[in-house]
Structure formats: structure tokens, C-alpha cells
């Protein structure tokens, strides 16, 4: 499942100014995968996007990837 983690990390690093502060953690359960994205508080808006568009797009991609493996994927954007 690390390809989902890699996708989130790569996307976040492309968007933020402080790339070294990007931290992605993947917690896998029986039916759910939780991906936690931590960024510098100054870069939080860049990852979320206007009206949450970037975060919503990432969630849509992860959801589609999760359907392939019959799991629900949740993206949590944290400070």
C-alpha cells in the first residue's frame, strides 16, 4: 500500500515551501487505510487548496485506488 503513501508525499512536497516538514504516515486496518499528512502550519493552505479542492482531489484519487484493493482510504491533513 505504500504507493498511496508515496502519491500523497510526492504531491505534498510539490506544493509546499518546506519540503523537509512533510511527513506522511500510513495506518492500515482490516477494511480501512488512514493516511495522515503533516505539513508545516505555514504550508497548510497550499495542501488544502482553495475551498479544499486539492485535498478533495487527493481524497478522490485515494478512494479510487482503495476500491481496487477493497479498502476504504481516509486522508487526514494535520498540522
PDB file of N, CA and C in Angstrom:
ATOM      1  N   UNK A   1       0.818  -1.208   0.000  1.00  0.00           N
ATOM      2  CA  UNK A   1       0.000   0.000   0.000  1.00  0.00           C
ATOM      3  C   UNK A   1       0.853   1.260   0.000  1.00  0.00           C
ATOM      4  N   UNK A   2       2.130   1.116   0.023  1.00  0.00           N
ATOM      5  CA  UNK A   2       2.987   2.298   0.137  1.00  0.00           C
ATOM      6  C   UNK A   2       2.882   3.211  -1.080  1.00  0.00           C
ATOM      7  N   UNK A   3       2.332   2.711  -2.185  1.00  0.00           N
ATOM      8  CA  UNK A   3       2.191   3.582  -3.358  1.00  0.00           C
ATOM      9  C   UNK A   3       1.207   4.710  -3.085  1.00  0.00           C
ATOM     10  N   UNK A   4       0.205   4.490  -2.223  1.00  0.00           N
ATOM     11  CA  UNK A   4      -0.722   5.561  -1.858  1.00  0.00           C
ATOM     12  C   UNK A   4      -0.007   6.591  -0.990  1.00  0.00           C
ATOM     13  N   UNK A   5       0.797   6.114  -0.070  1.00  0.00           N
ATOM     14  CA  UNK A   5       1.588   6.992   0.788  1.00  0.00           C
ATOM     15  C   UNK A   5       2.554   7.807  -0.064  1.00  0.00           C
ATOM     16  N   UNK A   6       3.203   7.141  -1.024  1.00  0.00           N
ATOM     17  CA  UNK A   6       4.148   7.824  -1.912  1.00  0.00           C
ATOM     18  C   UNK A   6       3.464   8.900  -2.744  1.00  0.00           C
ATOM     19  N   UNK A   7       2.246   8.617  -3.217  1.00  0.00           N
ATOM     20  CA  UNK A   7       1.495   9.597  -4.014  1.00  0.00           C
ATOM     21  C   UNK A   7       1.215  10.848  -3.197  1.00  0.00           C
ATOM     22  N   UNK A   8       0.763  10.670  -1.961  1.00  0.00           N
ATOM     23  CA  UNK A   8       0.448  11.809  -1.091  1.00  0.00           C
ATOM     24  C   UNK A   8       1.714  12.601  -0.782  1.00  0.00           C
ATOM     25  N   UNK A   9       2.797  11.886  -0.483  1.00  0.00           N
ATOM     26  CA  UNK A   9       4.063  12.551  -0.142  1.00  0.00           C
ATOM     27  C   UNK A   9       4.613  13.337  -1.325  1.00  0.00           C
ATOM     28  N   UNK A  10       4.610  12.735  -2.492  1.00  0.00           N
ATOM     29  CA  UNK A  10       5.122  13.390  -3.695  1.00  0.00           C
ATOM     30  C   UNK A  10       4.303  14.637  -4.036  1.00  0.00           C
ATOM     31  N   UNK A  11       2.985  14.520  -3.948  1.00  0.00           N
ATOM     32  CA  UNK A  11       2.100  15.647  -4.247  1.00  0.00           C
ATOM     33  C   UNK A  11       2.304  16.773  -3.244  1.00  0.00           C
ATOM     34  N   UNK A  12       2.358  16.431  -1.974  1.00  0.00           N
ATOM     35  CA  UNK A  12       2.523  17.447  -0.927  1.00  0.00           C
ATOM     36  C   UNK A  12       3.860  18.177  -1.076  1.00  0.00           C
ATOM     37  N   UNK A  13       4.916  17.424  -1.340  1.00  0.00           N
ATOM     38  CA  UNK A  13       6.239  18.049  -1.485  1.00  0.00           C
ATOM     39  C   UNK A  13       6.294  18.977  -2.687  1.00  0.00           C
ATOM     40  N   UNK A  14       5.502  18.676  -3.719  1.00  0.00           N
ATOM     41  CA  UNK A  14       5.475  19.545  -4.896  1.00  0.00           C
ATOM     42  C   UNK A  14       4.731  20.849  -4.604  1.00  0.00           C
ATOM     43  N   UNK A  15       3.862  20.852  -3.613  1.00  0.00           N
ATOM     44  CA  UNK A  15       3.032  22.018  -3.327  1.00  0.00           C
ATOM     45  C   UNK A  15       3.606  22.961  -2.276  1.00  0.00           C
ATOM     46  N   UNK A  16       4.342  22.415  -1.306  1.00  0.00           N
ATOM     47  CA  UNK A  16       4.758  23.225  -0.152  1.00  0.00           C
ATOM     48  C   UNK A  16       6.119  23.885  -0.349  1.00  0.00           C
ATOM     49  N   UNK A  17       6.410  24.843   0.541  1.00  0.00           N
ATOM     50  CA  UNK A  17       7.720  25.502   0.547  1.00  0.00           C
ATOM     51  C   UNK A  17       8.720  24.730   1.398  1.00  0.00           C
ATOM     52  N   UNK A  18       8.264  24.226   2.545  1.00  0.00           N
ATOM     53  CA  UNK A  18       9.140  23.493   3.466  1.00  0.00           C
ATOM     54  C   UNK A  18       8.978  21.992   3.247  1.00  0.00           C
ATOM     55  N   UNK A  19       9.683  21.457   2.264  1.00  0.00           N
ATOM     56  CA  UNK A  19       9.542  20.049   1.916  1.00  0.00           C
ATOM     57  C   UNK A  19      10.023  19.111   3.016  1.00  0.00           C
ATOM     58  N   UNK A  20      10.986  19.569   3.804  1.00  0.00           N
ATOM     59  CA  UNK A  20      11.517  18.707   4.866  1.00  0.00           C
ATOM     60  C   UNK A  20      10.523  18.523   6.016  1.00  0.00           C
ATOM     61  N   UNK A  21       9.486  19.338   6.080  1.00  0.00           N
ATOM     62  CA  UNK A  21       8.486  19.222   7.146  1.00  0.00           C
ATOM     63  C   UNK A  21       7.311  18.331   6.741  1.00  0.00           C
ATOM     64  N   UNK A  22       7.318  17.814   5.516  1.00  0.00           N
ATOM     65  CA  UNK A  22       6.246  16.925   5.066  1.00  0.00           C
ATOM     66  C   UNK A  22       6.471  15.543   5.667  1.00  0.00           C
ATOM     67  N   UNK A  23       5.440  15.035   6.348  1.00  0.00           N
ATOM     68  CA  UNK A  23       5.521  13.718   6.969  1.00  0.00           C
ATOM     69  C   UNK A  23       4.223  12.970   6.682  1.00  0.00           C
ATOM     70  N   UNK A  24       4.336  11.803   6.076  1.00  0.00           N
ATOM     71  CA  UNK A  24       3.162  11.007   5.735  1.00  0.00           C
ATOM     72  C   UNK A  24       3.239   9.679   6.483  1.00  0.00           C
ATOM     73  N   UNK A  25       2.156   9.353   7.182  1.00  0.00           N
ATOM     74  CA  UNK A  25       2.073   8.106   7.935  1.00  0.00           C
ATOM     75  C   UNK A  25       0.884   7.310   7.422  1.00  0.00           C
ATOM     76  N   UNK A  26       1.087   6.012   7.254  1.00  0.00           N
ATOM     77  CA  UNK A  26       0.011   5.147   6.779  1.00  0.00           C
ATOM     78  C   UNK A  26      -0.345   4.145   7.873  1.00  0.00           C
ATOM     79  N   UNK A  27      -1.613   4.131   8.249  1.00  0.00           N
ATOM     80  CA  UNK A  27      -2.107   3.209   9.270  1.00  0.00           C
ATOM     81  C   UNK A  27      -3.123   2.300   8.596  1.00  0.00           C
ATOM     82  N   UNK A  28      -2.781   1.015   8.530  1.00  0.00           N
ATOM     83  CA  UNK A  28      -3.636   0.084   7.805  1.00  0.00           C
ATOM     84  C   UNK A  28      -4.446  -0.771   8.765  1.00  0.00           C
ATOM     85  N   UNK A  29      -5.747  -0.738   8.588  1.00  0.00           N
ATOM     86  CA  UNK A  29      -6.648  -1.579   9.367  1.00  0.00           C
ATOM     87  C   UNK A  29      -7.174  -2.703   8.496  1.00  0.00           C
ATOM     88  N   UNK A  30      -8.187  -3.389   8.999  1.00  0.00           N
ATOM     89  CA  UNK A  30      -8.738  -4.519   8.269  1.00  0.00           C
ATOM     90  C   UNK A  30      -9.474  -4.075   7.006  1.00  0.00           C
ATOM     91  N   UNK A  31     -10.292  -3.032   7.141  1.00  0.00           N
ATOM     92  CA  UNK A  31     -11.071  -2.561   5.994  1.00  0.00           C
ATOM     93  C   UNK A  31     -10.768  -1.116   5.625  1.00  0.00           C
ATOM     94  N   UNK A  32      -9.921  -0.466   6.399  1.00  0.00           N
ATOM     95  CA  UNK A  32      -9.651   0.949   6.194  1.00  0.00           C
ATOM     96  C   UNK A  32      -8.156   1.229   6.220  1.00  0.00           C
ATOM     97  N   UNK A  33      -7.736   2.164   5.384  1.00  0.00           N
ATOM     98  CA  UNK A  33      -6.363   2.663   5.411  1.00  0.00           C
ATOM     99  C   UNK A  33      -6.445   4.158   5.722  1.00  0.00           C
ATOM    100  N   UNK A  34      -5.774   4.588   6.779  1.00  0.00           N
ATOM    101  CA  UNK A  34      -5.747   6.002   7.140  1.00  0.00           C
ATOM    102  C   UNK A  34      -4.377   6.550   6.780  1.00  0.00           C
ATOM    103  N   UNK A  35      -4.371   7.610   5.989  1.00  0.00           N
ATOM    104  CA  UNK A  35      -3.120   8.257   5.607  1.00  0.00           C
ATOM    105  C   UNK A  35      -3.111   9.637   6.259  1.00  0.00           C
ATOM    106  N   UNK A  36      -2.142   9.849   7.150  1.00  0.00           N
ATOM    107  CA  UNK A  36      -2.010  11.127   7.841  1.00  0.00           C
ATOM    108  C   UNK A  36      -0.928  11.952   7.163  1.00  0.00           C
ATOM    109  N   UNK A  37      -1.281  13.161   6.794  1.00  0.00           N
ATOM    110  CA  UNK A  37      -0.341  14.082   6.155  1.00  0.00           C
ATOM    111  C   UNK A  37      -0.089  15.241   7.104  1.00  0.00           C
ATOM    112  N   UNK A  38       1.163  15.395   7.496  1.00  0.00           N
ATOM    113  CA  UNK A  38       1.556  16.513   8.361  1.00  0.00           C
ATOM    114  C   UNK A  38       2.471  17.440   7.568  1.00  0.00           C
ATOM    115  N   UNK A  39       2.151  18.731   7.624  1.00  0.00           N
ATOM    116  CA  UNK A  39       2.973  19.738   6.948  1.00  0.00           C
ATOM    117  C   UNK A  39       3.205  20.895   7.909  1.00  0.00           C
ATOM    118  N   UNK A  40       4.108  21.776   7.535  1.00  0.00           N
ATOM    119  CA  UNK A  40       4.354  22.984   8.312  1.00  0.00           C
ATOM    120  C   UNK A  40       3.053  23.805   8.336  1.00  0.00           C
ATOM    121  N   UNK A  41       2.699  24.384   9.481  1.00  0.00           N
ATOM    122  CA  UNK A  41       1.462  25.175   9.539  1.00  0.00           C
ATOM    123  C   UNK A  41       1.374  26.271   8.482  1.00  0.00           C
ATOM    124  N   UNK A  42       2.510  26.824   8.077  1.00  0.00           N
ATOM    125  CA  UNK A  42       2.505  27.868   7.046  1.00  0.00           C
ATOM    126  C   UNK A  42       2.111  27.309   5.675  1.00  0.00           C
ATOM    127  N   UNK A  43       2.312  26.011   5.465  1.00  0.00           N
ATOM    128  CA  UNK A  43       2.011  25.384   4.177  1.00  0.00           C
ATOM    129  C   UNK A  43       0.656  24.681   4.145  1.00  0.00           C
ATOM    130  N   UNK A  44      -0.067  24.731   5.243  1.00  0.00           N
ATOM    131  CA  UNK A  44      -1.333  24.010   5.336  1.00  0.00           C
ATOM    132  C   UNK A  44      -2.314  24.422   4.233  1.00  0.00           C
ATOM    133  N   UNK A  45      -2.414  25.711   3.982  1.00  0.00           N
ATOM    134  CA  UNK A  45      -3.322  26.214   2.956  1.00  0.00           C
ATOM    135  C   UNK A  45      -2.964  25.743   1.557  1.00  0.00           C
ATOM    136  N   UNK A  46      -1.688  25.568   1.301  1.00  0.00           N
ATOM    137  CA  UNK A  46      -1.247  25.117  -0.024  1.00  0.00           C
ATOM    138  C   UNK A  46      -1.653  23.676  -0.274  1.00  0.00           C
ATOM    139  N   UNK A  47      -1.657  22.866   0.762  1.00  0.00           N
ATOM    140  CA  UNK A  47      -2.023  21.457   0.618  1.00  0.00           C
ATOM    141  C   UNK A  47      -3.539  21.291   0.524  1.00  0.00           C
ATOM    142  N   UNK A  48      -4.268  22.139   1.251  1.00  0.00           N
ATOM    143  CA  UNK A  48      -5.725  22.048   1.231  1.00  0.00           C
ATOM    144  C   UNK A  48      -6.285  22.674  -0.049  1.00  0.00           C
ATOM    145  N   UNK A  49      -5.746  23.797  -0.460  1.00  0.00           N
ATOM    146  CA  UNK A  49      -6.188  24.446  -1.690  1.00  0.00           C
ATOM    147  C   UNK A  49      -7.405  25.324  -1.462  1.00  0.00           C
ATOM    148  N   UNK A  50      -7.763  26.076  -2.498  1.00  0.00           N
ATOM    149  CA  UNK A  50      -8.938  26.951  -2.414  1.00  0.00           C
ATOM    150  C   UNK A  50     -10.188  26.113  -2.253  1.00  0.00           C
ATOM    151  N   UNK A  51     -10.942  26.429  -1.214  1.00  0.00           N
ATOM    152  CA  UNK A  51     -12.186  25.711  -0.886  1.00  0.00           C
ATOM    153  C   UNK A  51     -11.967  24.206  -0.770  1.00  0.00           C
ATOM    154  N   UNK A  52     -10.742  23.810  -0.418  1.00  0.00           N
ATOM    155  CA  UNK A  52     -10.443  22.403  -0.190  1.00  0.00           C
ATOM    156  C   UNK A  52     -10.319  21.562  -1.447  1.00  0.00           C
ATOM    157  N   UNK A  53     -10.100  22.190  -2.575  1.00  0.00           N
ATOM    158  CA  UNK A  53     -10.080  21.462  -3.852  1.00  0.00           C
ATOM    159  C   UNK A  53      -8.934  20.466  -3.964  1.00  0.00           C
ATOM    160  N   UNK A  54      -7.743  20.848  -3.545  1.00  0.00           N
ATOM    161  CA  UNK A  54      -6.596  19.944  -3.675  1.00  0.00           C
ATOM    162  C   UNK A  54      -6.768  18.742  -2.754  1.00  0.00           C
ATOM    163  N   UNK A  55      -7.168  18.991  -1.511  1.00  0.00           N
ATOM    164  CA  UNK A  55      -7.386  17.889  -0.567  1.00  0.00           C
ATOM    165  C   UNK A  55      -8.503  16.974  -1.070  1.00  0.00           C
ATOM    166  N   UNK A  56      -9.566  17.558  -1.618  1.00  0.00           N
ATOM    167  CA  UNK A  56     -10.677  16.755  -2.138  1.00  0.00           C
ATOM    168  C   UNK A  56     -10.223  15.913  -3.333  1.00  0.00           C
ATOM    169  N   UNK A  57      -9.403  16.479  -4.176  1.00  0.00           N
ATOM    170  CA  UNK A  57      -8.885  15.736  -5.334  1.00  0.00           C
ATOM    171  C   UNK A  57      -8.009  14.573  -4.889  1.00  0.00           C
ATOM    172  N   UNK A  58      -7.152  14.810  -3.913  1.00  0.00           N
ATOM    173  CA  UNK A  58      -6.315  13.739  -3.374  1.00  0.00           C
ATOM    174  C   UNK A  58      -7.177  12.627  -2.773  1.00  0.00           C
ATOM    175  N   UNK A  59      -8.223  13.032  -2.043  1.00  0.00           N
ATOM    176  CA  UNK A  59      -9.120  12.035  -1.445  1.00  0.00           C
ATOM    177  C   UNK A  59      -9.826  11.212  -2.512  1.00  0.00           C
ATOM    178  N   UNK A  60     -10.218  11.858  -3.608  1.00  0.00           N
ATOM    179  CA  UNK A  60     -10.879  11.148  -4.708  1.00  0.00           C
ATOM    180  C   UNK A  60      -9.948  10.121  -5.331  1.00  0.00           C
ATOM    181  N   UNK A  61      -8.699  10.516  -5.570  1.00  0.00           N
ATOM    182  CA  UNK A  61      -7.708   9.593  -6.119  1.00  0.00           C
ATOM    183  C   UNK A  61      -7.473   8.407  -5.190  1.00  0.00           C
ATOM    184  N   UNK A  62      -7.297   8.697  -3.901  1.00  0.00           N
ATOM    185  CA  UNK A  62      -7.047   7.637  -2.932  1.00  0.00           C
ATOM    186  C   UNK A  62      -8.243   6.702  -2.804  1.00  0.00           C
ATOM    187  N   UNK A  63      -9.434   7.267  -2.903  1.00  0.00           N
ATOM    188  CA  UNK A  63     -10.645   6.450  -2.827  1.00  0.00           C
ATOM    189  C   UNK A  63     -10.708   5.477  -4.000  1.00  0.00           C
ATOM    190  N   UNK A  64     -10.373   5.968  -5.186  1.00  0.00           N
ATOM    191  CA  UNK A  64     -10.368   5.108  -6.372  1.00  0.00           C
ATOM    192  C   UNK A  64      -9.302   4.017  -6.240  1.00  0.00           C
ATOM    193  N   UNK A  65      -8.150   4.375  -5.699  1.00  0.00           N
ATOM    194  CA  UNK A  65      -7.086   3.390  -5.501  1.00  0.00           C
ATOM    195  C   UNK A  65      -7.511   2.357  -4.460  1.00  0.00           C
ATOM    196  N   UNK A  66      -8.232   2.788  -3.456  1.00  0.00           N
ATOM    197  CA  UNK A  66      -8.691   1.888  -2.417  1.00  0.00           C
ATOM    198  C   UNK A  66      -9.718   0.883  -2.904  1.00  0.00           C
ATOM    199  N   UNK A  67     -10.553   1.300  -3.862  1.00  0.00           N
ATOM    200  CA  UNK A  67     -11.552   0.376  -4.407  1.00  0.00           C
ATOM    201  C   UNK A  67     -10.904  -0.820  -5.076  1.00  0.00           C
ATOM    202  N   UNK A  68      -9.732  -0.623  -5.640  1.00  0.00           N
ATOM    203  CA  UNK A  68      -9.019  -1.719  -6.305  1.00  0.00           C
ATOM    204  C   UNK A  68      -8.626  -2.817  -5.319  1.00  0.00           C
ATOM    205  N   UNK A  69      -8.373  -2.416  -4.073  1.00  0.00           N
ATOM    206  CA  UNK A  69      -7.952  -3.389  -3.070  1.00  0.00           C
ATOM    207  C   UNK A  69      -9.065  -3.640  -2.035  1.00  0.00           C
ATOM    208  N   UNK A  70     -10.279  -3.171  -2.342  1.00  0.00           N
ATOM    209  CA  UNK A  70     -11.447  -3.352  -1.474  1.00  0.00           C
ATOM    210  C   UNK A  70     -11.246  -2.796  -0.068  1.00  0.00           C
ATOM    211  N   UNK A  71     -10.667  -1.597   0.002  1.00  0.00           N
ATOM    212  CA  UNK A  71     -10.493  -0.926   1.289  1.00  0.00           C
ATOM    213  C   UNK A  71     -10.927   0.522   1.161  1.00  0.00           C
ATOM    214  N   UNK A  72     -11.350   1.075   2.284  1.00  0.00           N
ATOM    215  CA  UNK A  72     -11.717   2.499   2.343  1.00  0.00           C
ATOM    216  C   UNK A  72     -10.462   3.263   2.734  1.00  0.00           C
ATOM    217  N   UNK A  73     -10.160   4.326   1.995  1.00  0.00           N
ATOM    218  CA  UNK A  73      -8.958   5.100   2.277  1.00  0.00           C
ATOM    219  C   UNK A  73      -9.360   6.492   2.773  1.00  0.00           C
ATOM    220  N   UNK A  74      -8.783   6.888   3.900  1.00  0.00           N
ATOM    221  CA  UNK A  74      -9.101   8.179   4.518  1.00  0.00           C
ATOM    222  C   UNK A  74      -7.816   9.010   4.556  1.00  0.00           C
ATOM    223  N   UNK A  75      -7.908  10.243   4.077  1.00  0.00           N
ATOM    224  CA  UNK A  75      -6.767  11.173   4.155  1.00  0.00           C
ATOM    225  C   UNK A  75      -7.057  12.202   5.229  1.00  0.00           C
ATOM    226  N   UNK A  76      -6.158  12.304   6.201  1.00  0.00           N
ATOM    227  CA  UNK A  76      -6.265  13.307   7.249  1.00  0.00           C
ATOM    228  C   UNK A  76      -5.109  14.282   7.102  1.00  0.00           C
ATOM    229  N   UNK A  77      -5.434  15.557   6.925  1.00  0.00           N
ATOM    230  CA  UNK A  77      -4.424  16.598   6.808  1.00  0.00           C
ATOM    231  C   UNK A  77      -4.269  17.230   8.189  1.00  0.00           C
ATOM    232  N   UNK A  78      -3.077  17.099   8.772  1.00  0.00           N
ATOM    233  CA  UNK A  78      -2.821  17.579  10.129  1.00  0.00           C
ATOM    234  C   UNK A  78      -1.740  18.650  10.116  1.00  0.00           C
ATOM    235  N   UNK A  79      -1.734  19.481  11.171  1.00  0.00           N
ATOM    236  CA  UNK A  79      -0.692  20.500  11.298  1.00  0.00           C
ATOM    237  C   UNK A  79       0.586  19.892  11.833  1.00  0.00           C
TER     238      UNK A  79
END
